[in-house]
Amino acid sequence: MTDDYETLLRKKAEIEASIAEILKSEKNKSIASARNLIELFQLKPADVFASNARKSQDAGHGAKSRDPTPGSTRPGRGKPPDLIRNC
């Protein structure tokens, strides 16, 4: 039983080493390919990593309600304040 277990552990170590070696090789190939494409098309970081990425959905929403006395506003999310709840 332990012989089989030890054999499997050795095989596992060999497979993991093989995976690491192939990953390193493929990663280097991918980086070289990306660099060639960047040079070929004269890409800038702004071209690849767009700064106009979609913002979160609630970003930029204005106030839904305003308390006239203190002048405070609220976005309309969550538990309503006493002013609205008691109307």
C-alpha atoms as a PDB file:
ATOM      1  CA  MET A   1       0.000   0.000   0.000  1.00  0.00           C
ATOM      2  CA  THR A   2       2.712   2.503   0.945  1.00  0.00           C
ATOM      3  CA  ASP A   3       4.687   1.484  -2.135  1.00  0.00           C
ATOM      4  CA  ASP A   4       1.773   2.470  -4.373  1.00  0.00           C
ATOM      5  CA  TYR A   5       1.306   5.698  -2.457  1.00  0.00           C
ATOM      6  CA  GLU A   6       4.984   6.621  -2.735  1.00  0.00           C
ATOM      7  CA  THR A   7       4.945   5.791  -6.443  1.00  0.00           C
ATOM      8  CA  LEU A   8       1.944   8.031  -6.959  1.00  0.00           C
ATOM      9  CA  LEU A   9       3.620  10.844  -5.019  1.00  0.00           C
ATOM     10  CA  ARG A  10       6.707  10.557  -7.243  1.00  0.00           C
ATOM     11  CA  LYS A  11       4.531  10.634 -10.361  1.00  0.00           C
ATOM     12  CA  LYS A  12       2.680  13.641  -8.994  1.00  0.00           C
ATOM     13  CA  ALA A  13       5.958  15.489  -8.407  1.00  0.00           C
ATOM     14  CA  GLU A  14       7.136  14.635 -11.935  1.00  0.00           C
ATOM     15  CA  ILE A  15       3.856  15.827 -13.454  1.00  0.00           C
ATOM     16  CA  GLU A  16       3.913  19.066 -11.460  1.00  0.00           C
ATOM     17  CA  ALA A  17       7.498  19.727 -12.573  1.00  0.00           C
ATOM     18  CA  SER A  18       6.505  19.055 -16.177  1.00  0.00           C
ATOM     19  CA  ILE A  19       3.531  21.417 -15.857  1.00  0.00           C
ATOM     20  CA  ALA A  20       5.740  24.160 -14.434  1.00  0.00           C
ATOM     21  CA  GLU A  21       8.259  23.742 -17.257  1.00  0.00           C
ATOM     22  CA  ILE A  22       5.596  23.846 -19.984  1.00  0.00           C
ATOM     23  CA  LEU A  23       3.880  26.812 -18.340  1.00  0.00           C
ATOM     24  CA  LYS A  24       7.138  28.766 -18.295  1.00  0.00           C
ATOM     25  CA  SER A  25       7.793  27.955 -21.950  1.00  0.00           C
ATOM     26  CA  GLU A  26       4.263  28.880 -23.076  1.00  0.00           C
ATOM     27  CA  LYS A  27       4.336  32.055 -21.004  1.00  0.00           C
ATOM     28  CA  ASN A  28       7.579  33.168 -22.660  1.00  0.00           C
ATOM     29  CA  LYS A  29       6.133  32.423 -26.121  1.00  0.00           C
ATOM     30  CA  SER A  30       2.979  34.389 -25.304  1.00  0.00           C
ATOM     31  CA  ILE A  31       4.937  37.395 -24.046  1.00  0.00           C
ATOM     32  CA  ALA A  32       7.100  37.395 -27.178  1.00  0.00           C
ATOM     33  CA  SER A  33       4.009  37.184 -29.373  1.00  0.00           C
ATOM     34  CA  ALA A  34       2.334  40.040 -27.508  1.00  0.00           C
ATOM     35  CA  ARG A  35       5.452  42.197 -27.816  1.00  0.00           C
ATOM     36  CA  ASN A  36       5.601  41.530 -31.561  1.00  0.00           C
ATOM     37  CA  LEU A  37       1.957  42.551 -31.983  1.00  0.00           C
ATOM     38  CA  ILE A  38       2.471  45.692 -29.893  1.00  0.00           C
ATOM     39  CA  GLU A  39       5.438  46.673 -32.039  1.00  0.00           C
ATOM     40  CA  LEU A  40       3.710  45.773 -35.313  1.00  0.00           C
ATOM     41  CA  PHE A  41       0.577  47.821 -34.600  1.00  0.00           C
ATOM     42  CA  GLN A  42       2.368  50.510 -32.554  1.00  0.00           C
ATOM     43  CA  LEU A  43      -0.003  50.010 -29.644  1.00  0.00           C
ATOM     44  CA  LYS A  44       0.064  52.202 -26.558  1.00  0.00           C
ATOM     45  CA  PRO A  45      -1.074  51.148 -23.074  1.00  0.00           C
ATOM     46  CA  ALA A  46      -4.208  53.271 -23.514  1.00  0.00           C
ATOM     47  CA  ASP A  47      -5.074  51.258 -26.643  1.00  0.00           C
ATOM     48  CA  VAL A  48      -4.871  47.958 -24.822  1.00  0.00           C
ATOM     49  CA  PHE A  49      -6.053  48.937 -21.353  1.00  0.00           C
ATOM     50  CA  ALA A  50      -8.931  51.299 -22.065  1.00  0.00           C
ATOM     51  CA  SER A  51      -9.525  53.917 -19.416  1.00  0.00           C
ATOM     52  CA  ASN A  52     -13.180  54.144 -20.376  1.00  0.00           C
ATOM     53  CA  ALA A  53     -13.925  50.801 -18.778  1.00  0.00           C
ATOM     54  CA  ARG A  54     -17.430  50.424 -17.476  1.00  0.00           C
ATOM     55  CA  LYS A  55     -17.852  51.921 -14.045  1.00  0.00           C
ATOM     56  CA  SER A  56     -19.968  50.336 -11.360  1.00  0.00           C
ATOM     57  CA  GLN A  57     -23.678  50.729 -11.939  1.00  0.00           C
ATOM     58  CA  ASP A  58     -24.393  53.004  -8.995  1.00  0.00           C
ATOM     59  CA  ALA A  59     -21.528  55.392  -9.770  1.00  0.00           C
ATOM     60  CA  GLY A  60     -22.709  58.826 -10.763  1.00  0.00           C
ATOM     61  CA  HIS A  61     -26.283  58.497  -9.591  1.00  0.00           C
ATOM     62  CA  GLY A  62     -27.465  61.719  -8.059  1.00  0.00           C
ATOM     63  CA  ALA A  63     -29.553  62.196  -4.972  1.00  0.00           C
ATOM     64  CA  LYS A  64     -33.104  60.855  -5.135  1.00  0.00           C
ATOM     65  CA  SER A  65     -34.391  62.902  -2.243  1.00  0.00           C
ATOM     66  CA  ARG A  66     -33.368  65.996  -0.331  1.00  0.00           C
ATOM     67  CA  ASP A  67     -34.340  67.064   3.160  1.00  0.00           C
ATOM     68  CA  PRO A  68     -35.161  70.771   2.784  1.00  0.00           C
ATOM     69  CA  THR A  69     -34.459  71.743   6.393  1.00  0.00           C
ATOM     70  CA  PRO A  70     -30.847  70.610   6.852  1.00  0.00           C
ATOM     71  CA  GLY A  71     -30.234  70.375   3.087  1.00  0.00           C
ATOM     72  CA  SER A  72     -28.938  66.805   3.236  1.00  0.00           C
ATOM     73  CA  THR A  73     -29.488  64.427   0.356  1.00  0.00           C
ATOM     74  CA  ARG A  74     -29.730  60.663   0.045  1.00  0.00           C
ATOM     75  CA  PRO A  75     -29.266  58.315  -2.921  1.00  0.00           C
ATOM     76  CA  GLY A  76     -32.526  56.459  -2.357  1.00  0.00           C
ATOM     77  CA  ARG A  77     -30.890  53.179  -1.416  1.00  0.00           C
ATOM     78  CA  GLY A  78     -31.293  51.451   1.900  1.00  0.00           C
ATOM     79  CA  LYS A  79     -33.612  52.253   4.777  1.00  0.00           C
ATOM     80  CA  PRO A  80     -35.543  55.500   4.222  1.00  0.00           C
ATOM     81  CA  PRO A  81     -34.964  58.343   6.695  1.00  0.00           C
ATOM     82  CA  ASP A  82     -37.614  59.424   9.202  1.00  0.00           C
ATOM     83  CA  LEU A  83     -38.614  62.390   7.042  1.00  0.00           C
ATOM     84  CA  ILE A  84     -39.771  60.072   4.240  1.00  0.00           C
ATOM     85  CA  ARG A  85     -40.936  57.189   6.419  1.00  0.00           C
ATOM     86  CA  ASN A  86     -43.283  59.377   8.501  1.00  0.00           C
ATOM     87  CA  CYS A  87     -44.994  61.087   5.565  1.00  0.00           C
END
